[in-house]
Structures are given as structure tokens and as C-alpha cells.
Amino acid sequence: MRRYIIALVVGIPIALMLFVAAGYVHDEVIAADRVSRGVSVAGTDVSRLTLDDTFAVVASYEKTLVSQPVVLIIEGKAVELDPSDVSLDI
């Protein structure tokens, strides 16, 4: 009976570690053409997207940045800068 208890105490944690390791291997090796879990770009979740889809999300965000004016504070004065006025391109 004592051997079974020892086997369970040792075997269960090992089995759990192998399970977690298998999930990591799947994410990083088998699904290497996709972005890892838990990754976001400017608040947009890109987890598990393909690299091409992720580039499309980033390009869309870049277009948003270029189209919005930016307010800069210079020596206590607010200055609004329109990216199109200064030919800003990303």
C-alpha cells in the first residue's frame, strides 16, 4: 500500500509537468507559423493569428496612427500636429 501512495505522490506531479510541457511544445514547435498565446498589439489580441494576419493588423493600426492628429506639449504649450501636414509615413 505504501508503494502505491509513493507512486501517486511522485507520478501525479510528473504527469502534470509532462502535460504542461506538451502544451508548450505544441504552441511553440508544431504551431510555429502562428503568434504565441497572450500577445496583443495596441490592445488588439493577435494570439494564434498567422504572421500574415498579424502584419495586416499592425498595418491597419499604422494607418490609424497616421490619420489622427497628435497633441504635443512643448514648454507648457499644446501644439496639434497633423501627420499629413508633415508628410509622416510609417
N, C-alpha and C. Protein backbone atom coordinates (compact mmCIF):
# COMPACT_ATOMS: atom_id res chain seq x y z
N MET A 1 0.82 -1.20 0.00
CA MET A 1 0.00 0.00 0.00
C MET A 1 0.87 1.26 0.00
N ARG A 2 1.96 1.19 0.74
CA ARG A 2 2.84 2.34 0.85
C ARG A 2 3.47 2.67 -0.51
N ARG A 3 3.79 1.65 -1.29
CA ARG A 3 4.37 1.87 -2.61
C ARG A 3 3.40 2.59 -3.54
N TYR A 4 2.13 2.27 -3.45
CA TYR A 4 1.13 2.92 -4.28
C TYR A 4 1.00 4.40 -3.93
N ILE A 5 1.05 4.71 -2.66
CA ILE A 5 0.97 6.11 -2.24
C ILE A 5 2.18 6.89 -2.74
N ILE A 6 3.37 6.31 -2.61
CA ILE A 6 4.59 6.96 -3.08
C ILE A 6 4.52 7.13 -4.60
N ALA A 7 4.04 6.10 -5.29
CA ALA A 7 3.92 6.18 -6.74
C ALA A 7 2.96 7.30 -7.15
N LEU A 8 1.87 7.48 -6.44
CA LEU A 8 0.92 8.55 -6.74
C LEU A 8 1.50 9.92 -6.43
N VAL A 9 2.19 10.02 -5.30
CA VAL A 9 2.76 11.31 -4.90
C VAL A 9 3.83 11.75 -5.89
N VAL A 10 4.57 10.84 -6.44
CA VAL A 10 5.61 11.16 -7.42
C VAL A 10 5.03 11.21 -8.83
N GLY A 11 4.14 10.31 -9.15
CA GLY A 11 3.63 10.17 -10.51
C GLY A 11 2.71 11.30 -10.94
N ILE A 12 1.84 11.76 -10.07
CA ILE A 12 0.89 12.81 -10.45
C ILE A 12 1.60 14.11 -10.82
N PRO A 13 2.55 14.62 -10.01
CA PRO A 13 3.25 15.84 -10.42
C PRO A 13 4.03 15.68 -11.72
N ILE A 14 4.63 14.53 -11.93
CA ILE A 14 5.36 14.28 -13.17
C ILE A 14 4.40 14.29 -14.36
N ALA A 15 3.26 13.67 -14.20
CA ALA A 15 2.26 13.65 -15.27
C ALA A 15 1.77 15.06 -15.58
N LEU A 16 1.56 15.88 -14.56
CA LEU A 16 1.13 17.26 -14.77
C LEU A 16 2.20 18.07 -15.50
N MET A 17 3.46 17.89 -15.12
CA MET A 17 4.55 18.60 -15.80
C MET A 17 4.65 18.18 -17.26
N LEU A 18 4.48 16.91 -17.55
CA LEU A 18 4.52 16.44 -18.92
C LEU A 18 3.36 17.01 -19.74
N PHE A 19 2.20 17.12 -19.12
CA PHE A 19 1.04 17.70 -19.79
C PHE A 19 1.29 19.15 -20.16
N VAL A 20 1.83 19.93 -19.22
CA VAL A 20 2.15 21.34 -19.49
C VAL A 20 3.23 21.44 -20.56
N ALA A 21 4.24 20.61 -20.48
CA ALA A 21 5.32 20.63 -21.48
C ALA A 21 4.78 20.29 -22.87
N ALA A 22 3.86 19.36 -22.95
CA ALA A 22 3.27 19.00 -24.25
C ALA A 22 2.51 20.20 -24.84
N GLY A 23 1.81 20.97 -24.01
CA GLY A 23 1.12 22.16 -24.50
C GLY A 23 2.09 23.20 -25.01
N TYR A 24 3.20 23.38 -24.31
CA TYR A 24 4.22 24.33 -24.74
C TYR A 24 4.83 23.90 -26.07
N VAL A 25 5.16 22.63 -26.19
CA VAL A 25 5.75 22.12 -27.43
C VAL A 25 4.77 22.32 -28.58
N HIS A 26 3.52 22.05 -28.35
CA HIS A 26 2.52 22.25 -29.40
C HIS A 26 2.48 23.70 -29.84
N ASP A 27 2.44 24.63 -28.89
CA ASP A 27 2.36 26.05 -29.23
C ASP A 27 3.61 26.56 -29.94
N GLU A 28 4.76 26.16 -29.49
CA GLU A 28 6.00 26.76 -30.00
C GLU A 28 6.63 26.00 -31.16
N VAL A 29 6.38 24.72 -31.27
CA VAL A 29 7.04 23.93 -32.31
C VAL A 29 6.06 23.55 -33.42
N ILE A 30 4.98 22.94 -33.06
CA ILE A 30 4.04 22.45 -34.07
C ILE A 30 3.30 23.61 -34.72
N ALA A 31 2.92 24.62 -33.93
CA ALA A 31 2.20 25.78 -34.46
C ALA A 31 3.14 26.98 -34.56
N ALA A 32 4.33 26.76 -35.08
CA ALA A 32 5.36 27.81 -35.15
C ALA A 32 5.01 28.92 -36.14
N ASP A 33 4.08 28.67 -37.05
CA ASP A 33 3.71 29.69 -38.03
C ASP A 33 2.65 30.64 -37.49
N ARG A 34 2.35 30.53 -36.21
CA ARG A 34 1.34 31.39 -35.58
C ARG A 34 1.96 32.16 -34.42
N VAL A 35 1.34 33.28 -34.08
CA VAL A 35 1.80 34.08 -32.96
C VAL A 35 1.45 33.35 -31.66
N SER A 36 2.31 33.47 -30.67
CA SER A 36 2.09 32.80 -29.39
C SER A 36 0.84 33.33 -28.70
N ARG A 37 0.38 32.58 -27.72
CA ARG A 37 -0.79 32.99 -26.94
C ARG A 37 -0.45 34.19 -26.07
N GLY A 38 -1.45 35.02 -25.82
CA GLY A 38 -1.28 36.14 -24.92
C GLY A 38 -0.59 37.35 -25.52
N VAL A 39 -0.47 37.42 -26.84
CA VAL A 39 0.20 38.55 -27.48
C VAL A 39 -0.85 39.52 -28.01
N SER A 40 -0.63 40.82 -27.73
CA SER A 40 -1.53 41.84 -28.26
C SER A 40 -0.71 42.99 -28.82
N VAL A 41 -1.31 43.69 -29.76
CA VAL A 41 -0.68 44.85 -30.39
C VAL A 41 -1.63 46.03 -30.17
N ALA A 42 -1.21 46.99 -29.39
CA ALA A 42 -2.01 48.19 -29.11
C ALA A 42 -3.42 47.81 -28.63
N GLY A 43 -3.51 46.81 -27.79
CA GLY A 43 -4.79 46.39 -27.24
C GLY A 43 -5.58 45.43 -28.10
N THR A 44 -5.08 45.09 -29.28
CA THR A 44 -5.76 44.15 -30.16
C THR A 44 -5.09 42.79 -30.02
N ASP A 45 -5.88 41.79 -29.68
CA ASP A 45 -5.36 40.44 -29.48
C ASP A 45 -4.96 39.84 -30.83
N VAL A 46 -3.70 39.43 -30.93
CA VAL A 46 -3.22 38.77 -32.15
C VAL A 46 -2.79 37.33 -31.86
N SER A 47 -3.16 36.82 -30.70
CA SER A 47 -2.81 35.46 -30.34
C SER A 47 -3.34 34.47 -31.35
N ARG A 48 -2.49 33.53 -31.72
CA ARG A 48 -2.83 32.41 -32.59
C ARG A 48 -3.13 32.84 -34.02
N LEU A 49 -2.87 34.09 -34.40
CA LEU A 49 -3.03 34.51 -35.79
C LEU A 49 -1.80 34.10 -36.59
N THR A 50 -1.97 33.93 -37.87
CA THR A 50 -0.81 33.68 -38.72
C THR A 50 0.01 34.96 -38.81
N LEU A 51 1.24 34.83 -39.26
CA LEU A 51 2.10 36.01 -39.36
C LEU A 51 1.54 37.02 -40.36
N ASP A 52 0.97 36.55 -41.46
CA ASP A 52 0.38 37.46 -42.45
C ASP A 52 -0.80 38.23 -41.87
N ASP A 53 -1.65 37.53 -41.11
CA ASP A 53 -2.79 38.19 -40.47
C ASP A 53 -2.31 39.21 -39.43
N THR A 54 -1.26 38.88 -38.72
CA THR A 54 -0.71 39.80 -37.72
C THR A 54 -0.15 41.05 -38.39
N PHE A 55 0.56 40.88 -39.50
CA PHE A 55 1.07 42.03 -40.24
C PHE A 55 -0.08 42.91 -40.73
N ALA A 56 -1.19 42.31 -41.13
CA ALA A 56 -2.36 43.08 -41.57
C ALA A 56 -2.94 43.90 -40.42
N VAL A 57 -2.99 43.31 -39.23
CA VAL A 57 -3.50 44.03 -38.05
C VAL A 57 -2.59 45.22 -37.73
N VAL A 58 -1.27 45.00 -37.76
CA VAL A 58 -0.33 46.08 -37.48
C VAL A 58 -0.41 47.17 -38.55
N ALA A 59 -0.53 46.79 -39.81
CA ALA A 59 -0.65 47.78 -40.89
C ALA A 59 -1.91 48.62 -40.73
N SER A 60 -2.99 47.99 -40.32
CA SER A 60 -4.24 48.72 -40.09
C SER A 60 -4.07 49.72 -38.95
N TYR A 61 -3.38 49.31 -37.90
CA TYR A 61 -3.13 50.21 -36.78
C TYR A 61 -2.23 51.37 -37.20
N GLU A 62 -1.25 51.10 -38.05
CA GLU A 62 -0.37 52.16 -38.55
C GLU A 62 -1.17 53.21 -39.33
N LYS A 63 -2.12 52.76 -40.15
CA LYS A 63 -2.95 53.70 -40.91
C LYS A 63 -3.76 54.58 -39.97
N THR A 64 -4.25 53.99 -38.87
CA THR A 64 -4.99 54.76 -37.88
C THR A 64 -4.09 55.82 -37.24
N LEU A 65 -2.85 55.45 -36.92
CA LEU A 65 -1.93 56.39 -36.30
C LEU A 65 -1.61 57.56 -37.22
N VAL A 66 -1.39 57.28 -38.49
CA VAL A 66 -1.02 58.32 -39.44
C VAL A 66 -2.19 59.27 -39.72
N SER A 67 -3.41 58.80 -39.56
CA SER A 67 -4.57 59.63 -39.88
C SER A 67 -5.05 60.49 -38.71
N GLN A 68 -4.54 60.27 -37.51
CA GLN A 68 -5.00 61.02 -36.34
C GLN A 68 -4.00 62.11 -35.95
N PRO A 69 -4.50 63.31 -35.65
CA PRO A 69 -3.59 64.36 -35.18
C PRO A 69 -3.02 64.02 -33.80
N VAL A 70 -1.84 64.56 -33.53
CA VAL A 70 -1.16 64.31 -32.26
C VAL A 70 -1.02 65.65 -31.54
N VAL A 71 -1.28 65.64 -30.24
CA VAL A 71 -1.12 66.85 -29.45
C VAL A 71 0.20 66.74 -28.70
N LEU A 72 1.09 67.68 -28.96
CA LEU A 72 2.39 67.72 -28.30
C LEU A 72 2.40 68.87 -27.31
N ILE A 73 3.01 68.66 -26.16
CA ILE A 73 3.16 69.72 -25.17
C ILE A 73 4.62 70.17 -25.22
N ILE A 74 4.84 71.40 -25.67
CA ILE A 74 6.19 71.94 -25.78
C ILE A 74 6.27 73.18 -24.91
N GLU A 75 7.10 73.11 -23.89
CA GLU A 75 7.28 74.20 -22.93
C GLU A 75 5.94 74.70 -22.39
N GLY A 76 5.08 73.75 -22.06
CA GLY A 76 3.79 74.07 -21.46
C GLY A 76 2.71 74.46 -22.44
N LYS A 77 3.01 74.56 -23.71
CA LYS A 77 2.01 74.93 -24.71
C LYS A 77 1.63 73.70 -25.54
N ALA A 78 0.32 73.56 -25.76
CA ALA A 78 -0.17 72.44 -26.55
C ALA A 78 -0.12 72.79 -28.03
N VAL A 79 0.50 71.91 -28.80
CA VAL A 79 0.61 72.10 -30.25
C VAL A 79 0.02 70.86 -30.92
N GLU A 80 -0.95 71.07 -31.80
CA GLU A 80 -1.55 69.94 -32.52
C GLU A 80 -0.81 69.76 -33.84
N LEU A 81 -0.41 68.53 -34.07
CA LEU A 81 0.34 68.22 -35.28
C LEU A 81 -0.45 67.20 -36.10
N ASP A 82 -0.77 67.57 -37.31
CA ASP A 82 -1.46 66.66 -38.22
C ASP A 82 -0.40 65.91 -39.04
N PRO A 83 -0.38 64.59 -38.95
CA PRO A 83 0.67 63.81 -39.66
C PRO A 83 0.69 64.07 -41.17
N SER A 84 -0.44 64.32 -41.77
CA SER A 84 -0.45 64.55 -43.22
C SER A 84 0.21 65.89 -43.58
N ASP A 85 0.18 66.86 -42.66
CA ASP A 85 0.81 68.16 -42.91
C ASP A 85 2.32 68.06 -42.96
N VAL A 86 2.89 67.10 -42.24
CA VAL A 86 4.35 66.97 -42.19
C VAL A 86 4.83 65.76 -42.98
N SER A 87 3.95 65.19 -43.76
CA SER A 87 4.26 64.01 -44.61
C SER A 87 4.80 62.83 -43.80
N LEU A 88 4.16 62.59 -42.65
CA LEU A 88 4.56 61.46 -41.82
C LEU A 88 4.13 60.16 -42.48
N ASP A 89 5.05 59.23 -42.56
CA ASP A 89 4.76 57.92 -43.13
C ASP A 89 5.45 56.87 -42.28
N ILE A 90 4.76 55.81 -42.02
CA ILE A 90 5.34 54.72 -41.23
C ILE A 90 5.68 53.57 -42.15
